[in-house]
Amino acid sequence: MPDRLSVVVTRRLPKPVETRLRELFNVTLNETDTPLSREALAEAIQRADVLVPTLTDEIDQRMLAQAGDRLKLIANYGAGFDHIDVATARQRGVLV
């Protein structure tokens, strides 16, 4: 069986969603449900195959520059994506 994808979730999600993520992926949850600092978000984006941010997380050009080569998908949880630099993500080969 191939290695599971590493998924980092920046805020708490509904319990059924978190449960299913645990079943399918190597998931890291933000158990405190407080917004991550820029430093903590940068560390998370470096080790994630998939980042699941919310509107409180600014995923700008500087943040994406810190992402590791592993990052392949930013799966926003919530409405909208104005907090994500989609053009820079696309240039890096990251789907949003």
Foldseek 3Di string as FASTA:
>chain_A
DDAFFEEEEQFDDPPVVVVVCVVRGNYDYPVVRDGDDLVRLLVVQQRGLEYEYEPVAQADLVSVVSHHLSHAEYHYDDDDDPSHPCVNCVVSNHYD
